[in-house]
C-alpha atoms as a PDB file:
ATOM      1  CA  MET A   1     117.894  62.726   0.191  1.00  0.00           C
ATOM      2  CA  MET A   2     114.373  64.219  -1.071  1.00  0.00           C
ATOM      3  CA  MET A   3     112.907  67.001   1.204  1.00  0.00           C
ATOM      4  CA  ASP A   4     108.995  66.478   0.794  1.00  0.00           C
ATOM      5  CA  VAL A   5     107.326  69.880  -1.217  1.00  0.00           C
ATOM      6  CA  ILE A   6     105.587  72.050   0.843  1.00  0.00           C
ATOM      7  CA  PRO A   7     102.510  73.814   0.946  1.00  0.00           C
ATOM      8  CA  PHE A   8     101.690  76.895  -0.452  1.00  0.00           C
ATOM      9  CA  GLU A   9      98.740  76.703   2.434  1.00  0.00           C
ATOM     10  CA  ASN A  10     101.472  75.913   5.007  1.00  0.00           C
ATOM     11  CA  THR A  11     103.965  79.502   4.274  1.00  0.00           C
ATOM     12  CA  TRP A  12     103.021  82.524   5.710  1.00  0.00           C
ATOM     13  CA  PRO A  13     105.772  86.008   4.485  1.00  0.00           C
ATOM     14  CA  TYR A  14     107.568  87.287   7.819  1.00  0.00           C
ATOM     15  CA  GLU A  15     109.698  90.365   7.832  1.00  0.00           C
ATOM     16  CA  LYS A  16     113.037  91.292   9.727  1.00  0.00           C
ATOM     17  CA  GLN A  17     113.741  94.668  10.460  1.00  0.00           C
ATOM     18  CA  PHE A  18     116.801  95.136  11.755  1.00  0.00           C
ATOM     19  CA  ASP A  19     117.065  91.954  14.900  1.00  0.00           C
ATOM     20  CA  ASP A  20     113.190  92.904  14.802  1.00  0.00           C
ATOM     21  CA  ILE A  21     111.564  89.290  12.943  1.00  0.00           C
ATOM     22  CA  TYR A  22     107.109  90.940  12.379  1.00  0.00           C
ATOM     23  CA  LEU A  23     104.199  88.640  11.075  1.00  0.00           C
ATOM     24  CA  HIS A  24     102.513  91.243   9.311  1.00  0.00           C
ATOM     25  CA  GLU A  25      99.877  89.145  10.942  1.00  0.00           C
ATOM     26  CA  CYS A  26      98.993  86.402  13.117  1.00  0.00           C
ATOM     27  CA  PRO A  27      97.659  83.144  11.695  1.00  0.00           C
ATOM     28  CA  PHE A  28      95.799  81.815  14.537  1.00  0.00           C
ATOM     29  CA  CYS A  29      93.804  86.095  15.707  1.00  0.00           C
ATOM     30  CA  GLY A  30      94.782  88.021  13.979  1.00  0.00           C
ATOM     31  CA  GLU A  31      96.468  90.454  15.354  1.00  0.00           C
ATOM     32  CA  GLU A  32      98.485  92.521  13.161  1.00  0.00           C
ATOM     33  CA  GLN A  33     102.200  93.502  13.314  1.00  0.00           C
ATOM     34  CA  VAL A  34     102.983  90.793  15.760  1.00  0.00           C
ATOM     35  CA  LEU A  35     106.336  91.449  16.839  1.00  0.00           C
ATOM     36  CA  THR A  36     108.270  87.796  17.326  1.00  0.00           C
ATOM     37  CA  HIS A  37     110.863  86.688  20.374  1.00  0.00           C
ATOM     38  CA  MET A  38     113.042  84.728  17.535  1.00  0.00           C
ATOM     39  CA  LYS A  39     115.746  85.998  17.352  1.00  0.00           C
ATOM     40  CA  PRO A  40     118.572  86.438  13.772  1.00  0.00           C
ATOM     41  CA  GLU A  41     119.812  83.227  15.115  1.00  0.00           C
ATOM     42  CA  VAL A  42     117.486  80.969  14.864  1.00  0.00           C
ATOM     43  CA  LEU A  43     115.862  82.180  12.020  1.00  0.00           C
ATOM     44  CA  GLU A  44     119.360  81.546  10.280  1.00  0.00           C
ATOM     45  CA  GLN A  45     118.655  77.633  11.383  1.00  0.00           C
ATOM     46  CA  ALA A  46     115.623  77.449   9.929  1.00  0.00           C
ATOM     47  CA  LYS A  47     116.843  78.640   6.526  1.00  0.00           C
ATOM     48  CA  GLU A  48     119.210  75.843   7.323  1.00  0.00           C
ATOM     49  CA  GLY A  49     116.600  73.582   7.405  1.00  0.00           C
ATOM     50  CA  ILE A  50     117.217  73.438  11.309  1.00  0.00           C
ATOM     51  CA  LYS A  51     112.980  72.247  11.908  1.00  0.00           C
ATOM     52  CA  THR A  52     111.898  75.330  14.506  1.00  0.00           C
ATOM     53  CA  SER A  53     108.784  75.740  17.172  1.00  0.00           C
ATOM     54  CA  LEU A  54     108.189  79.694  17.385  1.00  0.00           C
ATOM     55  CA  ILE A  55     105.131  80.524  19.875  1.00  0.00           C
ATOM     56  CA  LEU A  56     103.779  84.429  19.128  1.00  0.00           C
ATOM     57  CA  PRO A  57     102.886  86.226  22.209  1.00  0.00           C
ATOM     58  CA  CYS A  58      99.993  87.469  21.012  1.00  0.00           C
ATOM     59  CA  CYS A  59      97.573  84.588  21.289  1.00  0.00           C
ATOM     60  CA  HIS A  60     100.736  81.825  22.055  1.00  0.00           C
ATOM     61  CA  GLY A  61      99.354  80.205  18.792  1.00  0.00           C
ATOM     62  CA  LYS A  62     102.654  77.519  17.978  1.00  0.00           C
ATOM     63  CA  ILE A  63     104.179  77.405  14.562  1.00  0.00           C
ATOM     64  CA  THR A  64     106.826  74.109  13.953  1.00  0.00           C
ATOM     65  CA  ILE A  65     109.198  75.588  11.094  1.00  0.00           C
ATOM     66  CA  LEU A  66     110.756  73.251   8.624  1.00  0.00           C
ATOM     67  CA  GLU A  67     112.169  75.986   6.343  1.00  0.00           C
ATOM     68  CA  ALA A  68     112.266  79.704   6.049  1.00  0.00           C
ATOM     69  CA  ASP A  69     113.411  81.617   2.860  1.00  0.00           C
ATOM     70  CA  GLU A  70     114.297  85.532   2.166  1.00  0.00           C
ATOM     71  CA  ASP A  71     110.323  86.088   2.740  1.00  0.00           C
ATOM     72  CA  TYR A  72     108.070  83.269   4.279  1.00  0.00           C
ATOM     73  CA  PHE A  73     108.392  80.382   7.351  1.00  0.00           C
ATOM     74  CA  TRP A  74     107.414  76.624   6.171  1.00  0.00           C
ATOM     75  CA  ALA A  75     105.763  75.832   7.865  1.00  0.00           C
ATOM     76  CA  ASP A  76     104.389  71.393   8.748  1.00  0.00           C
ATOM     77  CA  GLU A  77     100.522  72.382   8.861  1.00  0.00           C
ATOM     78  CA  GLN A  78      98.041  74.537   7.044  1.00  0.00           C
ATOM     79  CA  LEU A  79      98.162  78.518   8.291  1.00  0.00           C
ATOM     80  CA  ARG A  80      96.402  80.364   4.152  1.00  0.00           C
ATOM     81  CA  LYS A  81      93.229  79.514   4.550  1.00  0.00           C
END
């Protein structure tokens, strides 16, 4: 089964430091250095292509992650302007 290509506008960078997963900036409200509640095992599932929801603590915006790589979340909606 071939997955549709996810456009780059639907990506958002993240950073992992130890067991913490950060966003440099929230795609919804612009808050900087957002510490997510995502657990490392959930990130690993996202890297395996398991659809994951991420609720951001700053504004309760929701990213539906279709997959993840080492640098980006690939979402089901446009996150970049």
